[in-house]
Amino acid sequence: MRIALLHTADVHVATFDQIFADLGSDVVLDHHVHPDLLDRARRGGLDAVGSEVQTTLKALATADAVLCTCSTLGPLVDEVAQSFPHVLRIDRPLMEKACGDGHRILVAICLDSTRDATLALLTACAAKAGRKIDIVLVVCTDAWAFFEAGNMDAYAQSIAASIKAELAKHPDIDGIVLAQASMRVAETALEDMGMPVRSAPVIAAQRCIAVAGKEG
C-alpha cells in the first residue's frame, strides 16, 4: 500500500514517519512538502491556492490514500474528495471523534487562517452525528512564532498556557481539540486536565491505513 501526504511544513515528514511506524504499518509513504501553499493561503485566502492544491491532490490520487496535513487547506481537500474519496483532510477523523466527547468542546488553533474551516467542520460533523455542541474557541496567538523558530517545547507550553487560561473561565468543558497537526506536541502538557485531549495526526493515520487497505 502507498499513502501520499501533502504537507505545508517539513517537520511533518518525520512526525508521520514515526506515527505510521508506531502503528506497525508497512505502507510506503510518499511525502510532498509545499510550505508556500500555507503562506499564500494566509495572505490571500484559499482562492489564492485553490487550483494548485486541487491539481496536486488529484495528481497524488494514484496512491491508495492521500492525506493533506494542513487544516487551513481542508475545504479544498473536501472538494477533491467528492471525486476521489480516498483523499482525506487531516482534521475530519479528529472532529468526528471529538463530537462524542460531550456538549461543550474547547477548540484550540494557532493560525486564524484555519478558524472558519475548523469550526465549520466540527459543526458539520456534530450535525451529521445528531449531536448538539457548544464550541469554545481559543486562538493561541503567541504560539506560532515558536513553531516557526523550531522551538517545539516553547510552542507546546505556549499552547497549553493559552488553553489552561481559557479552561479557568469555562469549568464545564467536556473535551479539548488541538485543531492543527503541529499542535499535537501540546498533548503531554495537557494530560492532567481530566478530559479527552485530541489531536489529528494519529487518528488521521489510522483512517488512512483503513482507507488504503480498502483501495489496495
N, C-alpha and C. Protein backbone atom coordinates (compact mmCIF):
# COMPACT_ATOMS: atom_id res chain seq x y z
N MET A 1 0.84 -1.20 0.00
CA MET A 1 0.00 0.00 0.00
C MET A 1 0.87 1.25 0.00
N ARG A 2 0.41 2.28 -0.68
CA ARG A 2 1.14 3.54 -0.72
C ARG A 2 0.22 4.68 -0.30
N ILE A 3 0.71 5.49 0.60
CA ILE A 3 -0.03 6.65 1.07
C ILE A 3 0.78 7.90 0.73
N ALA A 4 0.15 8.83 0.04
CA ALA A 4 0.79 10.11 -0.30
C ALA A 4 0.34 11.16 0.70
N LEU A 5 1.27 12.00 1.11
CA LEU A 5 0.96 13.04 2.09
C LEU A 5 1.38 14.40 1.55
N LEU A 6 0.47 15.36 1.65
CA LEU A 6 0.77 16.74 1.27
C LEU A 6 0.92 17.57 2.54
N HIS A 7 2.11 18.12 2.75
CA HIS A 7 2.42 18.90 3.95
C HIS A 7 2.68 20.36 3.57
N THR A 8 2.50 21.25 4.54
CA THR A 8 2.93 22.63 4.36
C THR A 8 4.05 23.00 5.34
N ALA A 9 4.60 21.99 6.02
CA ALA A 9 5.76 22.20 6.89
C ALA A 9 6.61 20.93 6.87
N ASP A 10 7.91 21.09 6.75
CA ASP A 10 8.80 19.94 6.64
C ASP A 10 8.82 19.08 7.90
N VAL A 11 8.52 19.69 9.05
CA VAL A 11 8.56 18.96 10.31
C VAL A 11 7.60 17.78 10.32
N HIS A 12 6.56 17.84 9.50
CA HIS A 12 5.56 16.76 9.49
C HIS A 12 6.08 15.47 8.87
N VAL A 13 7.12 15.56 8.09
CA VAL A 13 7.65 14.34 7.45
C VAL A 13 8.11 13.35 8.52
N ALA A 14 8.97 13.80 9.42
CA ALA A 14 9.46 12.92 10.47
C ALA A 14 8.34 12.50 11.42
N THR A 15 7.43 13.42 11.69
CA THR A 15 6.31 13.11 12.59
C THR A 15 5.49 11.95 12.05
N PHE A 16 5.12 12.02 10.79
CA PHE A 16 4.26 10.97 10.23
C PHE A 16 5.03 9.69 9.94
N ASP A 17 6.30 9.81 9.63
CA ASP A 17 7.11 8.59 9.52
C ASP A 17 7.05 7.81 10.83
N GLN A 18 7.20 8.53 11.95
CA GLN A 18 7.19 7.88 13.26
C GLN A 18 5.81 7.35 13.61
N ILE A 19 4.78 8.11 13.30
CA ILE A 19 3.42 7.68 13.63
C ILE A 19 3.06 6.38 12.90
N PHE A 20 3.31 6.34 11.61
CA PHE A 20 2.98 5.13 10.86
C PHE A 20 3.84 3.94 11.32
N ALA A 21 5.09 4.19 11.68
CA ALA A 21 5.94 3.12 12.21
C ALA A 21 5.39 2.61 13.53
N ASP A 22 4.95 3.53 14.40
CA ASP A 22 4.40 3.14 15.70
C ASP A 22 3.11 2.34 15.55
N LEU A 23 2.38 2.60 14.48
CA LEU A 23 1.14 1.88 14.23
C LEU A 23 1.39 0.49 13.62
N GLY A 24 2.66 0.18 13.40
CA GLY A 24 3.01 -1.13 12.86
C GLY A 24 2.64 -1.29 11.41
N SER A 25 2.51 -0.18 10.71
CA SER A 25 2.08 -0.23 9.32
C SER A 25 3.27 -0.43 8.39
N ASP A 26 3.06 -1.23 7.34
CA ASP A 26 4.11 -1.44 6.36
C ASP A 26 3.84 -0.65 5.08
N VAL A 27 3.01 0.40 5.17
CA VAL A 27 2.72 1.22 3.99
C VAL A 27 3.95 2.01 3.58
N VAL A 28 4.01 2.33 2.30
CA VAL A 28 5.07 3.19 1.77
C VAL A 28 4.53 4.62 1.77
N LEU A 29 5.27 5.52 2.41
CA LEU A 29 4.84 6.91 2.50
C LEU A 29 5.53 7.75 1.44
N ASP A 30 4.74 8.59 0.78
CA ASP A 30 5.25 9.46 -0.29
C ASP A 30 4.96 10.90 0.13
N HIS A 31 5.99 11.57 0.67
CA HIS A 31 5.81 12.91 1.23
C HIS A 31 6.03 14.00 0.19
N HIS A 32 5.16 15.02 0.25
CA HIS A 32 5.29 16.19 -0.63
C HIS A 32 5.12 17.43 0.25
N VAL A 33 6.16 18.26 0.31
CA VAL A 33 6.17 19.41 1.20
C VAL A 33 6.12 20.70 0.39
N HIS A 34 5.08 21.51 0.65
CA HIS A 34 4.90 22.78 -0.07
C HIS A 34 4.52 23.88 0.92
N PRO A 35 5.51 24.43 1.64
CA PRO A 35 5.21 25.46 2.64
C PRO A 35 4.61 26.72 2.03
N ASP A 36 4.89 26.96 0.76
CA ASP A 36 4.37 28.16 0.12
C ASP A 36 2.85 28.16 0.03
N LEU A 37 2.24 26.98 0.02
CA LEU A 37 0.78 26.91 -0.06
C LEU A 37 0.12 27.56 1.16
N LEU A 38 0.65 27.25 2.33
CA LEU A 38 0.10 27.86 3.55
C LEU A 38 0.39 29.34 3.59
N ASP A 39 1.61 29.73 3.21
CA ASP A 39 1.97 31.14 3.21
C ASP A 39 1.01 31.95 2.33
N ARG A 40 0.75 31.43 1.14
CA ARG A 40 -0.12 32.15 0.21
C ARG A 40 -1.58 32.11 0.65
N ALA A 41 -2.00 31.00 1.26
CA ALA A 41 -3.37 30.91 1.76
C ALA A 41 -3.60 31.88 2.91
N ARG A 42 -2.60 32.07 3.74
CA ARG A 42 -2.73 33.01 4.85
C ARG A 42 -2.82 34.45 4.33
N ARG A 43 -2.09 34.73 3.27
CA ARG A 43 -2.10 36.10 2.72
C ARG A 43 -3.33 36.38 1.86
N GLY A 44 -3.69 35.43 1.02
CA GLY A 44 -4.72 35.70 0.03
C GLY A 44 -5.97 34.85 0.11
N GLY A 45 -6.06 34.00 1.13
CA GLY A 45 -7.22 33.13 1.25
C GLY A 45 -7.10 31.90 0.38
N LEU A 46 -8.07 31.01 0.48
CA LEU A 46 -8.00 29.74 -0.24
C LEU A 46 -8.07 29.91 -1.75
N ASP A 47 -8.70 30.99 -2.20
CA ASP A 47 -8.77 31.22 -3.64
C ASP A 47 -7.38 31.39 -4.25
N ALA A 48 -6.43 31.85 -3.45
CA ALA A 48 -5.08 32.09 -3.95
C ALA A 48 -4.34 30.80 -4.27
N VAL A 49 -4.79 29.68 -3.67
CA VAL A 49 -4.07 28.41 -3.88
C VAL A 49 -5.00 27.29 -4.32
N GLY A 50 -6.28 27.59 -4.48
CA GLY A 50 -7.26 26.54 -4.72
C GLY A 50 -6.95 25.65 -5.90
N SER A 51 -6.69 26.23 -7.03
CA SER A 51 -6.43 25.45 -8.24
C SER A 51 -5.18 24.58 -8.08
N GLU A 52 -4.13 25.15 -7.50
CA GLU A 52 -2.87 24.41 -7.34
C GLU A 52 -3.03 23.25 -6.36
N VAL A 53 -3.71 23.48 -5.27
CA VAL A 53 -3.91 22.42 -4.27
C VAL A 53 -4.71 21.28 -4.88
N GLN A 54 -5.77 21.60 -5.58
CA GLN A 54 -6.62 20.57 -6.16
C GLN A 54 -5.89 19.79 -7.24
N THR A 55 -5.11 20.48 -8.04
CA THR A 55 -4.32 19.79 -9.07
C THR A 55 -3.31 18.85 -8.43
N THR A 56 -2.67 19.32 -7.37
CA THR A 56 -1.66 18.50 -6.68
C THR A 56 -2.30 17.26 -6.06
N LEU A 57 -3.43 17.43 -5.40
CA LEU A 57 -4.08 16.30 -4.74
C LEU A 57 -4.58 15.27 -5.77
N LYS A 58 -5.09 15.75 -6.88
CA LYS A 58 -5.56 14.83 -7.92
C LYS A 58 -4.39 14.05 -8.51
N ALA A 59 -3.24 14.70 -8.64
CA ALA A 59 -2.05 14.00 -9.15
C ALA A 59 -1.57 12.94 -8.17
N LEU A 60 -1.75 13.19 -6.89
CA LEU A 60 -1.33 12.23 -5.86
C LEU A 60 -2.32 11.08 -5.70
N ALA A 61 -3.49 11.22 -6.29
CA ALA A 61 -4.57 10.26 -6.06
C ALA A 61 -4.34 8.89 -6.68
N THR A 62 -3.20 8.70 -7.34
CA THR A 62 -2.83 7.35 -7.78
C THR A 62 -2.42 6.48 -6.60
N ALA A 63 -2.15 7.10 -5.46
CA ALA A 63 -1.82 6.35 -4.24
C ALA A 63 -3.09 5.70 -3.69
N ASP A 64 -2.93 4.76 -2.76
CA ASP A 64 -4.08 4.08 -2.16
C ASP A 64 -4.85 4.97 -1.20
N ALA A 65 -4.17 5.98 -0.67
CA ALA A 65 -4.82 7.01 0.16
C ALA A 65 -3.95 8.26 0.08
N VAL A 66 -4.59 9.40 0.22
CA VAL A 66 -3.88 10.68 0.20
C VAL A 66 -4.31 11.47 1.43
N LEU A 67 -3.35 12.03 2.14
CA LEU A 67 -3.65 12.82 3.34
C LEU A 67 -3.04 14.20 3.21
N CYS A 68 -3.89 15.24 3.32
CA CYS A 68 -3.39 16.61 3.41
C CYS A 68 -3.31 16.97 4.88
N THR A 69 -2.13 17.29 5.35
CA THR A 69 -1.92 17.50 6.78
C THR A 69 -2.08 18.95 7.21
N CYS A 70 -2.51 19.83 6.31
CA CYS A 70 -2.71 21.24 6.63
C CYS A 70 -4.20 21.52 6.80
N SER A 71 -4.62 21.89 7.99
CA SER A 71 -6.04 22.11 8.25
C SER A 71 -6.58 23.35 7.55
N THR A 72 -5.72 24.33 7.29
CA THR A 72 -6.17 25.52 6.57
C THR A 72 -6.70 25.14 5.18
N LEU A 73 -6.08 24.15 4.56
CA LEU A 73 -6.45 23.74 3.20
C LEU A 73 -7.62 22.76 3.19
N GLY A 74 -8.16 22.43 4.35
CA GLY A 74 -9.19 21.40 4.46
C GLY A 74 -10.36 21.53 3.50
N PRO A 75 -10.97 22.71 3.34
CA PRO A 75 -12.11 22.82 2.42
C PRO A 75 -11.76 22.46 0.99
N LEU A 76 -10.53 22.73 0.57
CA LEU A 76 -10.09 22.36 -0.77
C LEU A 76 -9.97 20.84 -0.90
N VAL A 77 -9.54 20.21 0.18
CA VAL A 77 -9.43 18.74 0.19
C VAL A 77 -10.83 18.13 0.06
N ASP A 78 -11.78 18.69 0.74
CA ASP A 78 -13.16 18.18 0.67
C ASP A 78 -13.70 18.24 -0.76
N GLU A 79 -13.34 19.29 -1.49
CA GLU A 79 -13.82 19.41 -2.87
C GLU A 79 -13.24 18.29 -3.74
N VAL A 80 -11.97 17.99 -3.55
CA VAL A 80 -11.34 16.91 -4.32
C VAL A 80 -11.92 15.57 -3.91
N ALA A 81 -12.21 15.41 -2.62
CA ALA A 81 -12.72 14.14 -2.10
C ALA A 81 -14.08 13.76 -2.67
N GLN A 82 -14.81 14.73 -3.22
CA GLN A 82 -16.08 14.41 -3.83
C GLN A 82 -15.89 13.47 -5.03
N SER A 83 -14.77 13.62 -5.73
CA SER A 83 -14.46 12.74 -6.87
C SER A 83 -13.47 11.65 -6.51
N PHE A 84 -12.63 11.92 -5.50
CA PHE A 84 -11.61 10.96 -5.06
C PHE A 84 -11.78 10.74 -3.56
N PRO A 85 -12.67 9.86 -3.15
CA PRO A 85 -12.99 9.71 -1.73
C PRO A 85 -11.83 9.20 -0.87
N HIS A 86 -10.76 8.71 -1.50
CA HIS A 86 -9.60 8.27 -0.71
C HIS A 86 -8.63 9.42 -0.46
N VAL A 87 -9.02 10.64 -0.82
CA VAL A 87 -8.26 11.84 -0.49
C VAL A 87 -8.86 12.42 0.80
N LEU A 88 -8.05 12.56 1.83
CA LEU A 88 -8.54 12.86 3.18
C LEU A 88 -7.95 14.17 3.72
N ARG A 89 -8.79 14.93 4.41
CA ARG A 89 -8.29 16.08 5.17
C ARG A 89 -7.96 15.61 6.57
N ILE A 90 -6.90 16.11 7.13
CA ILE A 90 -6.36 15.55 8.37
C ILE A 90 -7.30 15.69 9.56
N ASP A 91 -8.11 16.74 9.57
CA ASP A 91 -8.89 17.00 10.78
C ASP A 91 -10.28 16.38 10.79
N ARG A 92 -10.73 15.77 9.70
CA ARG A 92 -12.08 15.20 9.71
C ARG A 92 -12.21 14.04 10.71
N PRO A 93 -11.32 13.04 10.71
CA PRO A 93 -11.45 11.97 11.71
C PRO A 93 -11.38 12.50 13.14
N LEU A 94 -10.57 13.52 13.36
CA LEU A 94 -10.46 14.14 14.69
C LEU A 94 -11.79 14.75 15.11
N MET A 95 -12.40 15.51 14.23
CA MET A 95 -13.65 16.18 14.58
C MET A 95 -14.78 15.17 14.77
N GLU A 96 -14.80 14.13 13.98
CA GLU A 96 -15.82 13.09 14.15
C GLU A 96 -15.73 12.46 15.53
N LYS A 97 -14.51 12.22 15.98
CA LYS A 97 -14.32 11.61 17.30
C LYS A 97 -14.62 12.60 18.42
N ALA A 98 -14.24 13.85 18.23
CA ALA A 98 -14.44 14.87 19.27
C ALA A 98 -15.92 15.12 19.55
N CYS A 99 -16.76 14.91 18.55
CA CYS A 99 -18.21 15.12 18.74
C CYS A 99 -18.78 14.24 19.83
N GLY A 100 -18.14 13.13 20.10
CA GLY A 100 -18.62 12.21 21.12
C GLY A 100 -18.14 12.51 22.52
N ASP A 101 -17.34 13.57 22.68
CA ASP A 101 -16.76 13.86 23.99
C ASP A 101 -17.68 14.63 24.92
N GLY A 102 -18.75 15.21 24.39
CA GLY A 102 -19.67 15.95 25.25
C GLY A 102 -20.27 17.14 24.53
N HIS A 103 -20.94 17.96 25.31
CA HIS A 103 -21.68 19.09 24.74
C HIS A 103 -20.79 20.31 24.48
N ARG A 104 -19.84 20.57 25.36
CA ARG A 104 -19.05 21.79 25.27
C ARG A 104 -17.60 21.43 24.95
N ILE A 105 -17.15 21.82 23.77
CA ILE A 105 -15.83 21.44 23.28
C ILE A 105 -14.95 22.67 23.11
N LEU A 106 -13.77 22.63 23.71
CA LEU A 106 -12.79 23.69 23.51
C LEU A 106 -11.94 23.36 22.29
N VAL A 107 -11.92 24.26 21.34
CA VAL A 107 -11.14 24.07 20.11
C VAL A 107 -10.00 25.09 20.10
N ALA A 108 -8.77 24.61 20.03
CA ALA A 108 -7.61 25.49 20.01
C ALA A 108 -6.97 25.51 18.63
N ILE A 109 -6.68 26.71 18.15
CA ILE A 109 -5.95 26.88 16.89
C ILE A 109 -4.80 27.85 17.13
N CYS A 110 -3.83 27.82 16.23
CA CYS A 110 -2.73 28.78 16.33
C CYS A 110 -2.74 29.79 15.20
N LEU A 111 -3.39 29.43 14.10
CA LEU A 111 -3.46 30.32 12.94
C LEU A 111 -4.91 30.70 12.67
N ASP A 112 -5.16 31.98 12.54
CA ASP A 112 -6.52 32.42 12.27
C ASP A 112 -7.01 31.96 10.90
N SER A 113 -6.08 31.62 10.00
CA SER A 113 -6.46 31.18 8.66
C SER A 113 -7.23 29.86 8.68
N THR A 114 -7.12 29.12 9.77
CA THR A 114 -7.84 27.85 9.85
C THR A 114 -9.14 27.95 10.65
N ARG A 115 -9.44 29.13 11.17
CA ARG A 115 -10.61 29.31 12.04
C ARG A 115 -11.90 28.84 11.37
N ASP A 116 -12.23 29.42 10.23
CA ASP A 116 -13.52 29.13 9.60
C ASP A 116 -13.64 27.67 9.20
N ALA A 117 -12.57 27.13 8.60
CA ALA A 117 -12.59 25.73 8.16
C ALA A 117 -12.75 24.78 9.33
N THR A 118 -12.06 25.07 10.43
CA THR A 118 -12.11 24.21 11.61
C THR A 118 -13.49 24.21 12.25
N LEU A 119 -14.03 25.38 12.47
CA LEU A 119 -15.33 25.48 13.12
C LEU A 119 -16.45 24.91 12.24
N ALA A 120 -16.37 25.15 10.95
CA ALA A 120 -17.38 24.62 10.05
C ALA A 120 -17.35 23.10 10.03
N LEU A 121 -16.15 22.53 10.04
CA LEU A 121 -16.04 21.08 10.01
C LEU A 121 -16.59 20.44 11.28
N LEU A 122 -16.23 20.97 12.43
CA LEU A 122 -16.71 20.40 13.68
C LEU A 122 -18.24 20.52 13.77
N THR A 123 -18.76 21.65 13.37
CA THR A 123 -20.21 21.85 13.38
C THR A 123 -20.91 20.87 12.46
N ALA A 124 -20.34 20.66 11.28
CA ALA A 124 -20.93 19.73 10.31
C ALA A 124 -20.87 18.29 10.82
N CYS A 125 -19.76 17.91 11.42
CA CYS A 125 -19.62 16.56 11.96
C CYS A 125 -20.61 16.32 13.09
N ALA A 126 -20.81 17.32 13.94
CA ALA A 126 -21.77 17.19 15.03
C ALA A 126 -23.18 17.04 14.49
N ALA A 127 -23.52 17.83 13.48
CA ALA A 127 -24.86 17.75 12.89
C ALA A 127 -25.09 16.37 12.27
N LYS A 128 -24.08 15.86 11.58
CA LYS A 128 -24.20 14.54 10.95
C LYS A 128 -24.38 13.45 12.00
N ALA A 129 -23.74 13.62 13.15
CA ALA A 129 -23.84 12.64 14.22
C ALA A 129 -25.09 12.84 15.08
N GLY A 130 -25.85 13.89 14.80
CA GLY A 130 -27.05 14.17 15.58
C GLY A 130 -26.75 14.69 16.97
N ARG A 131 -25.62 15.38 17.11
CA ARG A 131 -25.23 15.90 18.42
C ARG A 131 -25.24 17.42 18.42
N LYS A 132 -25.64 17.98 19.53
CA LYS A 132 -25.61 19.42 19.69
C LYS A 132 -24.40 19.78 20.53
N ILE A 133 -23.53 20.63 19.97
CA ILE A 133 -22.32 21.00 20.71
C ILE A 133 -22.19 22.51 20.79
N ASP A 134 -21.49 22.93 21.81
CA ASP A 134 -21.17 24.34 22.03
C ASP A 134 -19.65 24.45 21.92
N ILE A 135 -19.17 25.30 21.03
CA ILE A 135 -17.74 25.41 20.79
C ILE A 135 -17.16 26.63 21.49
N VAL A 136 -16.10 26.41 22.24
CA VAL A 136 -15.32 27.50 22.84
C VAL A 136 -14.00 27.56 22.08
N LEU A 137 -13.76 28.64 21.36
CA LEU A 137 -12.57 28.76 20.53
C LEU A 137 -11.45 29.48 21.27
N VAL A 138 -10.25 28.92 21.18
CA VAL A 138 -9.06 29.56 21.73
C VAL A 138 -8.05 29.75 20.60
N VAL A 139 -7.68 30.97 20.33
CA VAL A 139 -6.63 31.25 19.35
C VAL A 139 -5.33 31.48 20.11
N CYS A 140 -4.40 30.56 19.96
CA CYS A 140 -3.12 30.62 20.69
C CYS A 140 -2.18 31.57 19.96
N THR A 141 -2.45 32.83 20.10
CA THR A 141 -1.82 33.87 19.29
C THR A 141 -0.30 33.87 19.37
N ASP A 142 0.24 33.63 20.54
CA ASP A 142 1.68 33.77 20.74
C ASP A 142 2.47 32.52 20.33
N ALA A 143 1.78 31.42 20.09
CA ALA A 143 2.48 30.14 19.93
C ALA A 143 3.18 29.98 18.58
N TRP A 144 2.60 30.50 17.51
CA TRP A 144 3.09 30.18 16.17
C TRP A 144 4.52 30.64 15.93
N ALA A 145 4.91 31.73 16.55
CA ALA A 145 6.28 32.21 16.38
C ALA A 145 7.29 31.18 16.87
N PHE A 146 6.95 30.44 17.93
CA PHE A 146 7.83 29.39 18.42
C PHE A 146 7.92 28.24 17.41
N PHE A 147 6.78 27.91 16.79
CA PHE A 147 6.79 26.86 15.77
C PHE A 147 7.68 27.26 14.61
N GLU A 148 7.54 28.49 14.15
CA GLU A 148 8.34 28.96 13.00
C GLU A 148 9.82 28.99 13.34
N ALA A 149 10.13 29.19 14.63
CA ALA A 149 11.53 29.21 15.07
C ALA A 149 12.07 27.80 15.33
N GLY A 150 11.19 26.79 15.26
CA GLY A 150 11.62 25.42 15.51
C GLY A 150 11.73 25.07 16.98
N ASN A 151 11.20 25.92 17.86
CA ASN A 151 11.26 25.67 19.30
C ASN A 151 9.97 24.97 19.71
N MET A 152 9.95 23.65 19.57
CA MET A 152 8.71 22.92 19.78
C MET A 152 8.32 22.82 21.25
N ASP A 153 9.29 22.85 22.14
CA ASP A 153 8.98 22.83 23.58
C ASP A 153 8.23 24.10 23.97
N ALA A 154 8.75 25.24 23.53
CA ALA A 154 8.10 26.51 23.84
C ALA A 154 6.75 26.59 23.14
N TYR A 155 6.66 26.05 21.94
CA TYR A 155 5.40 26.01 21.20
C TYR A 155 4.34 25.25 22.00
N ALA A 156 4.71 24.08 22.49
CA ALA A 156 3.78 23.26 23.27
C ALA A 156 3.36 23.97 24.55
N GLN A 157 4.30 24.57 25.25
CA GLN A 157 3.98 25.23 26.51
C GLN A 157 3.10 26.46 26.29
N SER A 158 3.33 27.18 25.20
CA SER A 158 2.52 28.36 24.91
C SER A 158 1.08 27.95 24.59
N ILE A 159 0.91 26.89 23.83
CA ILE A 159 -0.43 26.38 23.53
C ILE A 159 -1.14 25.97 24.82
N ALA A 160 -0.42 25.20 25.64
CA ALA A 160 -1.01 24.70 26.88
C ALA A 160 -1.41 25.85 27.80
N ALA A 161 -0.58 26.88 27.87
CA ALA A 161 -0.88 28.03 28.74
C ALA A 161 -2.16 28.75 28.28
N SER A 162 -2.30 28.92 26.97
CA SER A 162 -3.50 29.59 26.45
C SER A 162 -4.75 28.77 26.75
N ILE A 163 -4.64 27.46 26.59
CA ILE A 163 -5.79 26.59 26.84
C ILE A 163 -6.15 26.57 28.32
N LYS A 164 -5.16 26.46 29.17
CA LYS A 164 -5.44 26.43 30.61
C LYS A 164 -6.07 27.74 31.09
N ALA A 165 -5.65 28.84 30.52
CA ALA A 165 -6.24 30.13 30.88
C ALA A 165 -7.71 30.17 30.50
N GLU A 166 -8.05 29.58 29.35
CA GLU A 166 -9.45 29.56 28.91
C GLU A 166 -10.27 28.58 29.74
N LEU A 167 -9.67 27.46 30.11
CA LEU A 167 -10.37 26.49 30.94
C LEU A 167 -10.76 27.08 32.29
N ALA A 168 -9.95 27.99 32.79
CA ALA A 168 -10.27 28.62 34.07
C ALA A 168 -11.56 29.44 33.98
N LYS A 169 -11.87 29.91 32.77
CA LYS A 169 -13.09 30.68 32.56
C LYS A 169 -14.29 29.78 32.26
N HIS A 170 -14.01 28.56 31.82
CA HIS A 170 -15.08 27.64 31.40
C HIS A 170 -14.88 26.28 32.05
N PRO A 171 -15.25 26.13 33.30
CA PRO A 171 -15.03 24.86 34.00
C PRO A 171 -15.89 23.71 33.51
N ASP A 172 -16.83 24.00 32.62
CA ASP A 172 -17.73 22.95 32.15
C ASP A 172 -17.32 22.35 30.81
N ILE A 173 -16.08 22.54 30.40
CA ILE A 173 -15.59 21.97 29.14
C ILE A 173 -15.55 20.44 29.23
N ASP A 174 -16.01 19.78 28.17
CA ASP A 174 -16.03 18.31 28.14
C ASP A 174 -14.87 17.69 27.38
N GLY A 175 -14.23 18.46 26.50
CA GLY A 175 -13.14 17.91 25.72
C GLY A 175 -12.34 19.01 25.05
N ILE A 176 -11.10 18.70 24.72
CA ILE A 176 -10.19 19.67 24.10
C ILE A 176 -9.76 19.14 22.74
N VAL A 177 -9.83 20.01 21.73
CA VAL A 177 -9.38 19.66 20.39
C VAL A 177 -8.20 20.55 20.02
N LEU A 178 -7.08 19.93 19.70
CA LEU A 178 -5.91 20.64 19.17
C LEU A 178 -6.02 20.57 17.66
N ALA A 179 -6.51 21.64 17.04
CA ALA A 179 -7.05 21.54 15.69
C ALA A 179 -6.00 21.41 14.59
N GLN A 180 -4.79 21.90 14.80
CA GLN A 180 -3.76 21.82 13.77
C GLN A 180 -2.79 20.67 14.10
N ALA A 181 -2.31 20.03 13.06
CA ALA A 181 -1.47 18.84 13.24
C ALA A 181 -0.26 19.11 14.13
N SER A 182 0.36 20.26 13.95
CA SER A 182 1.57 20.59 14.71
C SER A 182 1.30 20.72 16.20
N MET A 183 0.04 20.97 16.58
CA MET A 183 -0.31 21.20 17.98
C MET A 183 -0.30 19.93 18.81
N ARG A 184 -0.10 18.79 18.17
CA ARG A 184 -0.03 17.51 18.87
C ARG A 184 1.00 17.53 19.99
N VAL A 185 2.04 18.34 19.84
CA VAL A 185 3.12 18.38 20.84
C VAL A 185 2.64 18.88 22.19
N ALA A 186 1.46 19.52 22.23
CA ALA A 186 0.96 20.05 23.50
C ALA A 186 0.15 19.03 24.28
N GLU A 187 -0.06 17.85 23.74
CA GLU A 187 -0.89 16.85 24.43
C GLU A 187 -0.36 16.51 25.82
N THR A 188 0.94 16.29 25.92
CA THR A 188 1.53 15.89 27.20
C THR A 188 1.33 16.95 28.27
N ALA A 189 1.44 18.21 27.86
CA ALA A 189 1.29 19.31 28.83
C ALA A 189 -0.15 19.48 29.29
N LEU A 190 -1.08 18.79 28.64
CA LEU A 190 -2.50 18.93 28.98
C LEU A 190 -3.11 17.63 29.50
N GLU A 191 -2.28 16.61 29.69
CA GLU A 191 -2.82 15.30 30.02
C GLU A 191 -3.43 15.22 31.42
N ASP A 192 -3.19 16.22 32.25
CA ASP A 192 -3.75 16.22 33.61
C ASP A 192 -5.03 17.03 33.72
N MET A 193 -5.66 17.33 32.59
CA MET A 193 -6.85 18.19 32.59
C MET A 193 -8.12 17.44 32.97
N GLY A 194 -8.06 16.12 33.00
CA GLY A 194 -9.23 15.35 33.40
C GLY A 194 -10.30 15.25 32.34
N MET A 195 -9.93 15.40 31.08
CA MET A 195 -10.88 15.31 29.98
C MET A 195 -10.12 14.87 28.74
N PRO A 196 -10.82 14.39 27.71
CA PRO A 196 -10.12 13.99 26.48
C PRO A 196 -9.39 15.18 25.85
N VAL A 197 -8.15 14.95 25.45
CA VAL A 197 -7.37 15.94 24.70
C VAL A 197 -7.01 15.27 23.38
N ARG A 198 -7.54 15.80 22.29
CA ARG A 198 -7.41 15.11 21.00
C ARG A 198 -6.65 15.97 19.99
N SER A 199 -5.81 15.30 19.22
CA SER A 199 -5.14 15.95 18.08
C SER A 199 -5.30 15.04 16.87
N ALA A 200 -4.99 15.56 15.71
CA ALA A 200 -5.35 14.89 14.46
C ALA A 200 -4.40 13.80 13.96
N PRO A 201 -3.08 13.92 14.12
CA PRO A 201 -2.18 13.05 13.35
C PRO A 201 -2.40 11.55 13.49
N VAL A 202 -2.46 11.02 14.70
CA VAL A 202 -2.58 9.56 14.86
C VAL A 202 -3.94 9.07 14.35
N ILE A 203 -4.99 9.80 14.70
CA ILE A 203 -6.34 9.41 14.25
C ILE A 203 -6.41 9.42 12.73
N ALA A 204 -5.81 10.44 12.10
CA ALA A 204 -5.82 10.53 10.64
C ALA A 204 -5.00 9.41 10.01
N ALA A 205 -3.87 9.08 10.62
CA ALA A 205 -3.04 7.99 10.09
C ALA A 205 -3.79 6.67 10.15
N GLN A 206 -4.50 6.43 11.23
CA GLN A 206 -5.30 5.20 11.34
C GLN A 206 -6.36 5.14 10.26
N ARG A 207 -7.00 6.27 9.99
CA ARG A 207 -8.03 6.32 8.94
C ARG A 207 -7.39 6.06 7.57
N CYS A 208 -6.22 6.63 7.35
CA CYS A 208 -5.53 6.43 6.07
C CYS A 208 -5.21 4.96 5.83
N ILE A 209 -4.75 4.29 6.87
CA ILE A 209 -4.43 2.87 6.73
C ILE A 209 -5.67 2.07 6.37
N ALA A 210 -6.78 2.42 7.03
CA ALA A 210 -8.04 1.72 6.74
C ALA A 210 -8.49 1.97 5.30
N VAL A 211 -8.40 3.22 4.87
CA VAL A 211 -8.82 3.57 3.50
C VAL A 211 -7.89 2.94 2.48
N ALA A 212 -6.59 3.00 2.74
CA ALA A 212 -5.63 2.41 1.81
C ALA A 212 -5.82 0.91 1.67
N GLY A 213 -6.19 0.26 2.78
CA GLY A 213 -6.44 -1.17 2.74
C GLY A 213 -7.61 -1.52 1.84
N LYS A 214 -8.64 -0.67 1.87
CA LYS A 214 -9.80 -0.91 1.02
C LYS A 214 -9.47 -0.67 -0.44
N GLU A 215 -8.67 0.40 -0.68
CA GLU A 215 -8.30 0.72 -2.06
C GLU A 215 -7.37 -0.34 -2.61
N GLY A 216 -6.42 -0.78 -1.74
CA GLY A 216 -5.44 -1.77 -2.18
C GLY A 216 -6.08 -3.13 -2.39
